[in-house]
């Protein structure tokens, strides 16, 4: 029996739009769909450790590297390089966790697992969801003046 998992797409109206993904690797149910793409308490905890300038540098590095990781992941999907795809999502996931982008972190973990399982079709669907959530996160960083527009 094939299991369908519904991932909410945060950019859809009132978070009601979903994408069905039939994963071959075990994935969570995608239930985490926060109002804010950034968990403020996690972000504030890191900010307590860093001064504002250093925090701005960390966020800027993420804002540059995450889209680069997305390009690597998409290229890996096209070329069939599941290992490169898994590595790209693993690397991106680490930055998400540090900055409080919990839903994006969850999506990256799902995409990483799917790539490790060798199912690049499912990974491609998850990659689209990651891209949508990444844009929400980058928008939050711009809105809160952590990166330039």
Protein backbone atom coordinates (compact mmCIF):
# COMPACT_ATOMS: atom_id res chain seq x y z
CA UNK A 1 0.00 0.00 0.00
CA UNK A 2 1.44 3.33 -1.03
CA UNK A 3 1.36 6.06 1.60
CA UNK A 4 0.63 9.67 0.64
CA UNK A 5 2.02 12.51 2.67
CA UNK A 6 0.58 15.97 2.44
CA UNK A 7 2.97 18.84 2.84
CA UNK A 8 1.43 22.22 3.41
CA UNK A 9 2.80 24.88 1.14
CA UNK A 10 3.21 27.99 3.30
CA UNK A 11 2.95 30.41 0.39
CA UNK A 12 -0.56 29.28 -0.48
CA UNK A 13 -3.53 31.22 0.83
CA UNK A 14 -3.94 30.60 4.55
CA UNK A 15 -1.70 27.53 4.34
CA UNK A 16 -4.53 25.48 2.81
CA UNK A 17 -2.74 24.48 -0.40
CA UNK A 18 -1.00 21.12 -0.25
CA UNK A 19 1.14 18.92 -2.44
CA UNK A 20 0.79 15.15 -2.38
CA UNK A 21 4.06 13.29 -2.30
CA UNK A 22 4.23 9.51 -2.26
CA UNK A 23 7.57 8.91 -0.54
CA UNK A 24 9.51 5.69 -0.80
CA UNK A 25 11.61 6.65 2.25
CA UNK A 26 9.96 7.19 5.63
CA UNK A 27 9.13 10.85 6.07
CA UNK A 28 7.28 12.73 8.75
CA UNK A 29 3.79 13.99 8.07
CA UNK A 30 4.78 17.58 7.27
CA UNK A 31 2.43 18.86 9.96
CA UNK A 32 4.70 21.73 11.00
CA UNK A 33 3.48 24.81 9.14
CA UNK A 34 4.30 27.84 11.26
CA UNK A 35 2.75 31.25 10.75
CA UNK A 36 6.26 32.68 10.79
CA UNK A 37 8.97 30.91 8.81
CA UNK A 38 11.44 31.68 11.61
CA UNK A 39 10.96 30.47 15.19
CA UNK A 40 11.59 33.74 17.01
CA UNK A 41 12.76 32.11 20.26
CA UNK A 42 15.41 30.06 18.41
CA UNK A 43 16.55 33.11 16.47
CA UNK A 44 16.71 35.19 19.67
CA UNK A 45 18.72 32.47 21.44
CA UNK A 46 21.41 32.71 18.76
CA UNK A 47 21.26 36.49 18.87
CA UNK A 48 22.03 36.34 22.59
CA UNK A 49 25.31 34.60 21.73
CA UNK A 50 26.29 36.94 18.90
CA UNK A 51 26.41 40.68 18.49
CA UNK A 52 24.08 42.19 15.88
CA UNK A 53 26.81 42.64 13.26
CA UNK A 54 27.91 39.02 13.55
CA UNK A 55 24.30 37.85 13.43
CA UNK A 56 23.77 39.90 10.28
CA UNK A 57 26.84 38.21 8.76
CA UNK A 58 25.51 34.75 9.69
CA UNK A 59 22.12 35.49 8.15
CA UNK A 60 23.75 36.97 5.06
CA UNK A 61 25.93 33.87 4.63
CA UNK A 62 22.81 31.71 4.85
CA UNK A 63 20.96 33.94 2.38
CA UNK A 64 23.81 33.46 -0.09
CA UNK A 65 24.59 29.79 0.52
CA UNK A 66 21.05 28.37 0.70
CA UNK A 67 20.14 29.34 -2.89
CA UNK A 68 23.51 27.93 -3.98
CA UNK A 69 22.65 24.63 -2.22
CA UNK A 70 19.29 24.66 -4.02
CA UNK A 71 21.11 24.96 -7.35
CA UNK A 72 23.38 22.04 -6.43
CA UNK A 73 20.34 19.98 -5.41
CA UNK A 74 18.44 20.74 -8.62
CA UNK A 75 21.52 20.03 -10.75
CA UNK A 76 22.01 16.75 -8.88
CA UNK A 77 18.42 15.74 -9.52
CA UNK A 78 18.82 16.43 -13.24
CA UNK A 79 22.12 14.53 -13.43
CA UNK A 80 20.94 11.69 -11.17
CA UNK A 81 23.56 12.39 -8.48
CA UNK A 82 21.58 11.47 -5.36
CA UNK A 83 24.63 11.84 -3.14
CA UNK A 84 25.18 15.46 -4.21
CA UNK A 85 21.49 16.16 -3.64
CA UNK A 86 21.53 14.63 -0.14
CA UNK A 87 24.69 16.56 0.75
CA UNK A 88 23.20 19.84 -0.47
CA UNK A 89 20.09 19.40 1.66
CA UNK A 90 22.11 18.23 4.66
CA UNK A 91 24.30 21.33 4.48
CA UNK A 92 21.32 23.62 4.09
CA UNK A 93 19.48 21.91 6.96
CA UNK A 94 22.26 22.77 9.39
CA UNK A 95 21.96 26.49 8.70
CA UNK A 96 18.18 26.32 8.99
CA UNK A 97 18.38 24.86 12.46
CA UNK A 98 20.79 27.49 13.70
CA UNK A 99 18.58 30.34 12.51
CA UNK A 100 15.26 28.94 13.71
CA UNK A 101 13.88 28.05 10.29
CA UNK A 102 12.30 24.88 11.71
CA UNK A 103 9.84 24.09 8.92
CA UNK A 104 12.54 24.62 6.30
CA UNK A 105 14.84 22.42 8.36
CA UNK A 106 12.15 19.71 8.39
CA UNK A 107 11.63 19.93 4.64
CA UNK A 108 15.39 19.74 4.03
CA UNK A 109 15.62 16.66 6.26
CA UNK A 110 12.81 15.02 4.28
CA UNK A 111 14.49 15.85 0.97
CA UNK A 112 17.83 14.59 2.28
CA UNK A 113 16.27 11.27 3.35
CA UNK A 114 14.51 10.90 0.03
CA UNK A 115 17.74 11.53 -1.88
CA UNK A 116 19.65 9.08 0.32
CA UNK A 117 16.98 6.50 -0.50
CA UNK A 118 17.72 7.16 -4.17
CA UNK A 119 14.25 8.38 -5.03
CA UNK A 120 14.99 11.54 -6.96
CA UNK A 121 11.42 11.82 -8.23
CA UNK A 122 10.12 12.31 -4.69
CA UNK A 123 13.12 14.48 -3.94
CA UNK A 124 12.24 16.75 -6.87
CA UNK A 125 8.76 17.30 -5.44
CA UNK A 126 10.22 18.04 -2.03
CA UNK A 127 12.73 20.40 -3.62
CA UNK A 128 9.87 22.55 -4.88
CA UNK A 129 8.49 22.77 -1.34
CA UNK A 130 11.94 23.62 0.04
CA UNK A 131 12.26 26.41 -2.52
CA UNK A 132 8.91 27.90 -1.50
CA UNK A 133 9.77 27.82 2.19
CA UNK A 134 13.26 29.18 1.56
CA UNK A 135 11.69 32.21 -0.13
CA UNK A 136 9.47 32.73 2.92
CA UNK A 137 12.51 32.62 5.19
CA UNK A 138 14.54 34.99 3.04
CA UNK A 139 11.55 37.33 2.97
CA UNK A 140 11.41 37.25 6.78
CA UNK A 141 15.10 38.11 6.98
CA UNK A 142 14.61 41.03 4.57
CA UNK A 143 11.49 42.22 6.38
CA UNK A 144 13.35 42.24 9.69
CA UNK A 145 16.41 43.95 8.16
CA UNK A 146 18.82 41.06 8.65
CA UNK A 147 19.70 41.03 4.95
CA UNK A 148 19.47 43.73 2.32
CA UNK A 149 16.59 43.68 -0.12
